[in-house]
Amino acid sequence: MAKLFRTSSVWVVEFTYDGRPRTWYKAFPEGQDVRPKIAALLEELYGEHARLVSARPATENEDLAFIRGDVPKNQLCPTRRAPLTRPREE
């Protein structure tokens, strides 16, 4: 059996956008404190609309949920695509 080596770690990013809570699950290179990068990314994307609440490494269960695609999604989806559980109506 081949050994797989992970080169990234999953972080849970909690922030507010115009006062509404949001959560990201994002993978970043292993062994880095990504809090400054996350704060800069939020500033670049949303300006003063977003405020970083916390950024922490994911727990083992959160990490597995991220890999499986089982993490909760925010209600607003900018792509306006139908959820994967519901087929497209054409």
N, C-alpha and C. Protein backbone atom coordinates (compact mmCIF):
# COMPACT_ATOMS: atom_id res chain seq x y z
N MET A 1 0.84 -1.16 0.00
CA MET A 1 0.00 0.00 0.00
C MET A 1 0.90 1.24 0.00
N ALA A 2 0.55 2.22 -0.82
CA ALA A 2 1.34 3.45 -0.91
C ALA A 2 1.02 4.37 0.26
N LYS A 3 2.06 5.02 0.75
CA LYS A 3 1.85 6.00 1.81
C LYS A 3 1.54 7.35 1.16
N LEU A 4 0.55 8.02 1.69
CA LEU A 4 0.20 9.34 1.20
C LEU A 4 0.66 10.37 2.22
N PHE A 5 1.28 11.40 1.75
CA PHE A 5 1.77 12.45 2.62
C PHE A 5 0.99 13.71 2.33
N ARG A 6 0.43 14.27 3.36
CA ARG A 6 -0.34 15.51 3.20
C ARG A 6 0.59 16.69 3.23
N THR A 7 0.35 17.59 2.31
CA THR A 7 1.15 18.81 2.26
C THR A 7 0.32 20.03 2.65
N SER A 8 -0.92 19.78 3.08
CA SER A 8 -1.78 20.90 3.46
C SER A 8 -2.55 20.54 4.73
N SER A 9 -3.11 21.57 5.34
CA SER A 9 -3.97 21.37 6.50
C SER A 9 -5.23 22.22 6.31
N VAL A 10 -6.32 21.75 6.87
CA VAL A 10 -7.60 22.43 6.74
C VAL A 10 -7.78 23.38 7.91
N TRP A 11 -8.23 24.58 7.61
CA TRP A 11 -8.50 25.60 8.62
C TRP A 11 -9.97 25.96 8.59
N VAL A 12 -10.53 26.24 9.75
CA VAL A 12 -11.90 26.72 9.87
C VAL A 12 -11.82 28.22 10.11
N VAL A 13 -12.40 28.98 9.19
CA VAL A 13 -12.36 30.44 9.24
C VAL A 13 -13.77 30.94 9.53
N GLU A 14 -13.94 31.60 10.64
CA GLU A 14 -15.23 32.19 10.98
C GLU A 14 -15.11 33.70 10.89
N PHE A 15 -16.02 34.31 10.14
CA PHE A 15 -16.00 35.75 9.97
C PHE A 15 -17.42 36.25 9.82
N THR A 16 -17.58 37.56 9.86
CA THR A 16 -18.89 38.14 9.62
C THR A 16 -18.82 38.96 8.34
N TYR A 17 -19.92 38.93 7.60
CA TYR A 17 -20.06 39.75 6.41
C TYR A 17 -21.30 40.62 6.63
N ASP A 18 -21.10 41.90 6.74
CA ASP A 18 -22.18 42.83 7.07
C ASP A 18 -22.95 42.37 8.30
N GLY A 19 -22.21 41.85 9.29
CA GLY A 19 -22.81 41.43 10.56
C GLY A 19 -23.38 40.02 10.57
N ARG A 20 -23.43 39.36 9.41
CA ARG A 20 -23.97 37.99 9.35
C ARG A 20 -22.83 36.98 9.42
N PRO A 21 -22.97 35.95 10.24
CA PRO A 21 -21.87 34.98 10.40
C PRO A 21 -21.67 34.13 9.15
N ARG A 22 -20.42 33.88 8.82
CA ARG A 22 -20.03 33.02 7.71
C ARG A 22 -18.91 32.11 8.18
N THR A 23 -18.81 30.94 7.55
CA THR A 23 -17.74 29.99 7.88
C THR A 23 -17.15 29.45 6.59
N TRP A 24 -15.84 29.45 6.52
CA TRP A 24 -15.12 28.82 5.42
C TRP A 24 -14.33 27.65 5.97
N TYR A 25 -14.20 26.61 5.17
CA TYR A 25 -13.26 25.53 5.41
C TYR A 25 -12.27 25.61 4.26
N LYS A 26 -11.02 25.93 4.56
CA LYS A 26 -10.03 26.16 3.51
C LYS A 26 -8.76 25.37 3.81
N ALA A 27 -8.16 24.85 2.76
CA ALA A 27 -6.89 24.14 2.88
C ALA A 27 -5.74 25.11 2.59
N PHE A 28 -4.73 25.06 3.43
CA PHE A 28 -3.54 25.89 3.27
C PHE A 28 -2.31 25.00 3.43
N PRO A 29 -1.14 25.46 2.95
CA PRO A 29 0.08 24.66 3.11
C PRO A 29 0.32 24.30 4.58
N GLU A 30 0.83 23.12 4.80
CA GLU A 30 1.09 22.59 6.14
C GLU A 30 2.14 23.40 6.88
N GLY A 31 1.93 23.56 8.18
CA GLY A 31 2.93 24.14 9.05
C GLY A 31 3.02 25.66 9.02
N GLN A 32 1.98 26.33 8.58
CA GLN A 32 2.01 27.79 8.55
C GLN A 32 0.89 28.35 9.41
N ASP A 33 1.15 29.50 10.01
CA ASP A 33 0.08 30.23 10.68
C ASP A 33 -0.55 31.12 9.61
N VAL A 34 -1.75 30.78 9.21
CA VAL A 34 -2.37 31.44 8.06
C VAL A 34 -3.28 32.61 8.46
N ARG A 35 -3.34 32.93 9.74
CA ARG A 35 -4.23 34.01 10.18
C ARG A 35 -3.96 35.33 9.45
N PRO A 36 -2.70 35.75 9.30
CA PRO A 36 -2.47 37.00 8.55
C PRO A 36 -2.91 36.90 7.08
N LYS A 37 -2.71 35.73 6.46
CA LYS A 37 -3.13 35.54 5.07
C LYS A 37 -4.66 35.61 4.95
N ILE A 38 -5.35 35.01 5.91
CA ILE A 38 -6.81 35.01 5.88
C ILE A 38 -7.35 36.42 6.06
N ALA A 39 -6.77 37.15 6.99
CA ALA A 39 -7.21 38.53 7.22
C ALA A 39 -6.99 39.38 5.97
N ALA A 40 -5.84 39.19 5.30
CA ALA A 40 -5.56 39.93 4.07
C ALA A 40 -6.52 39.52 2.95
N LEU A 41 -6.84 38.23 2.87
CA LEU A 41 -7.77 37.75 1.85
C LEU A 41 -9.16 38.33 2.06
N LEU A 42 -9.64 38.34 3.29
CA LEU A 42 -10.95 38.93 3.57
C LEU A 42 -10.96 40.41 3.23
N GLU A 43 -9.89 41.11 3.55
CA GLU A 43 -9.79 42.53 3.23
C GLU A 43 -9.82 42.75 1.72
N GLU A 44 -9.09 41.90 1.00
CA GLU A 44 -9.04 42.03 -0.47
C GLU A 44 -10.39 41.72 -1.11
N LEU A 45 -11.07 40.69 -0.62
CA LEU A 45 -12.34 40.28 -1.23
C LEU A 45 -13.52 41.16 -0.83
N TYR A 46 -13.60 41.52 0.44
CA TYR A 46 -14.80 42.16 0.95
C TYR A 46 -14.59 43.54 1.56
N GLY A 47 -13.35 43.97 1.69
CA GLY A 47 -13.08 45.29 2.26
C GLY A 47 -13.57 45.38 3.69
N GLU A 48 -14.23 46.50 4.00
CA GLU A 48 -14.69 46.71 5.37
C GLU A 48 -16.01 45.99 5.68
N HIS A 49 -16.55 45.25 4.73
CA HIS A 49 -17.79 44.50 4.98
C HIS A 49 -17.54 43.27 5.85
N ALA A 50 -16.31 42.73 5.80
CA ALA A 50 -15.99 41.49 6.52
C ALA A 50 -15.11 41.79 7.73
N ARG A 51 -15.31 40.95 8.78
CA ARG A 51 -14.50 41.03 9.99
C ARG A 51 -14.16 39.62 10.42
N LEU A 52 -12.88 39.33 10.54
CA LEU A 52 -12.42 38.02 10.96
C LEU A 52 -12.76 37.80 12.43
N VAL A 53 -13.45 36.70 12.72
CA VAL A 53 -13.80 36.36 14.10
C VAL A 53 -12.76 35.38 14.66
N SER A 54 -12.51 34.30 13.92
CA SER A 54 -11.50 33.34 14.37
C SER A 54 -11.01 32.53 13.18
N ALA A 55 -9.81 32.02 13.32
CA ALA A 55 -9.22 31.10 12.35
C ALA A 55 -8.44 30.08 13.15
N ARG A 56 -8.76 28.82 12.93
CA ARG A 56 -8.11 27.77 13.72
C ARG A 56 -7.96 26.52 12.86
N PRO A 57 -6.99 25.68 13.18
CA PRO A 57 -6.89 24.41 12.47
C PRO A 57 -8.13 23.56 12.74
N ALA A 58 -8.58 22.86 11.72
CA ALA A 58 -9.76 22.01 11.85
C ALA A 58 -9.48 20.83 12.76
N THR A 59 -10.52 20.40 13.47
CA THR A 59 -10.39 19.18 14.27
C THR A 59 -10.34 17.99 13.32
N GLU A 60 -10.04 16.84 13.85
CA GLU A 60 -9.97 15.64 13.00
C GLU A 60 -11.31 15.36 12.32
N ASN A 61 -12.42 15.53 13.05
CA ASN A 61 -13.73 15.30 12.46
C ASN A 61 -14.05 16.34 11.38
N GLU A 62 -13.71 17.60 11.61
CA GLU A 62 -13.94 18.64 10.61
C GLU A 62 -13.07 18.40 9.37
N ASP A 63 -11.86 17.93 9.59
CA ASP A 63 -10.95 17.62 8.49
C ASP A 63 -11.54 16.52 7.61
N LEU A 64 -12.02 15.45 8.23
CA LEU A 64 -12.64 14.37 7.47
C LEU A 64 -13.90 14.82 6.74
N ALA A 65 -14.70 15.65 7.39
CA ALA A 65 -15.92 16.17 6.75
C ALA A 65 -15.55 17.03 5.54
N PHE A 66 -14.49 17.82 5.63
CA PHE A 66 -14.03 18.64 4.50
C PHE A 66 -13.62 17.75 3.33
N ILE A 67 -12.85 16.72 3.62
CA ILE A 67 -12.38 15.81 2.56
C ILE A 67 -13.56 15.10 1.91
N ARG A 68 -14.55 14.72 2.69
CA ARG A 68 -15.73 14.03 2.15
C ARG A 68 -16.72 14.98 1.48
N GLY A 69 -16.57 16.28 1.71
CA GLY A 69 -17.50 17.25 1.14
C GLY A 69 -18.76 17.40 1.97
N ASP A 70 -18.69 17.06 3.25
CA ASP A 70 -19.84 17.10 4.14
C ASP A 70 -19.90 18.34 5.01
N VAL A 71 -19.08 19.34 4.75
CA VAL A 71 -19.10 20.54 5.59
C VAL A 71 -20.34 21.36 5.26
N PRO A 72 -20.88 22.07 6.25
CA PRO A 72 -22.07 22.88 5.98
C PRO A 72 -21.75 24.00 5.00
N LYS A 73 -22.70 24.29 4.15
CA LYS A 73 -22.55 25.35 3.17
C LYS A 73 -23.29 26.59 3.64
N ASN A 74 -22.77 27.77 3.30
CA ASN A 74 -23.48 29.00 3.58
C ASN A 74 -24.74 29.05 2.73
N GLN A 75 -25.76 29.72 3.20
CA GLN A 75 -27.04 29.75 2.50
C GLN A 75 -26.97 30.49 1.17
N LEU A 76 -26.17 31.53 1.11
CA LEU A 76 -26.06 32.27 -0.14
C LEU A 76 -25.02 31.62 -1.03
N CYS A 77 -25.37 31.38 -2.27
CA CYS A 77 -24.44 30.79 -3.22
C CYS A 77 -24.30 31.76 -4.39
N PRO A 78 -23.15 32.35 -4.58
CA PRO A 78 -23.01 33.34 -5.65
C PRO A 78 -23.14 32.76 -7.05
N THR A 79 -23.00 31.43 -7.20
CA THR A 79 -23.09 30.84 -8.53
C THR A 79 -24.53 30.56 -8.94
N ARG A 80 -25.44 30.58 -7.98
CA ARG A 80 -26.86 30.32 -8.22
C ARG A 80 -27.12 28.97 -8.89
N ARG A 81 -26.30 28.01 -8.58
CA ARG A 81 -26.49 26.66 -9.12
C ARG A 81 -27.40 25.87 -8.20
N ALA A 82 -28.09 24.89 -8.78
CA ALA A 82 -28.94 24.02 -7.97
C ALA A 82 -28.06 23.13 -7.11
N PRO A 83 -28.52 22.76 -5.92
CA PRO A 83 -27.74 21.84 -5.08
C PRO A 83 -27.52 20.51 -5.79
N LEU A 84 -26.45 19.82 -5.46
CA LEU A 84 -26.14 18.56 -6.11
C LEU A 84 -27.19 17.49 -5.82
N THR A 85 -27.95 17.64 -4.73
CA THR A 85 -28.94 16.64 -4.38
C THR A 85 -30.21 16.79 -5.22
N ARG A 86 -30.34 17.91 -5.92
CA ARG A 86 -31.53 18.13 -6.73
C ARG A 86 -31.12 18.28 -8.19
N PRO A 87 -31.68 17.47 -9.09
CA PRO A 87 -31.28 17.59 -10.51
C PRO A 87 -31.75 18.91 -11.11
N ARG A 88 -31.06 19.36 -12.10
CA ARG A 88 -31.43 20.59 -12.79
C ARG A 88 -32.74 20.42 -13.54
N GLU A 89 -33.53 21.45 -13.50
CA GLU A 89 -34.77 21.45 -14.26
C GLU A 89 -34.55 22.28 -15.51
N GLU A 90 -34.75 21.67 -16.68
CA GLU A 90 -34.53 22.40 -17.93
C GLU A 90 -35.74 22.39 -18.78
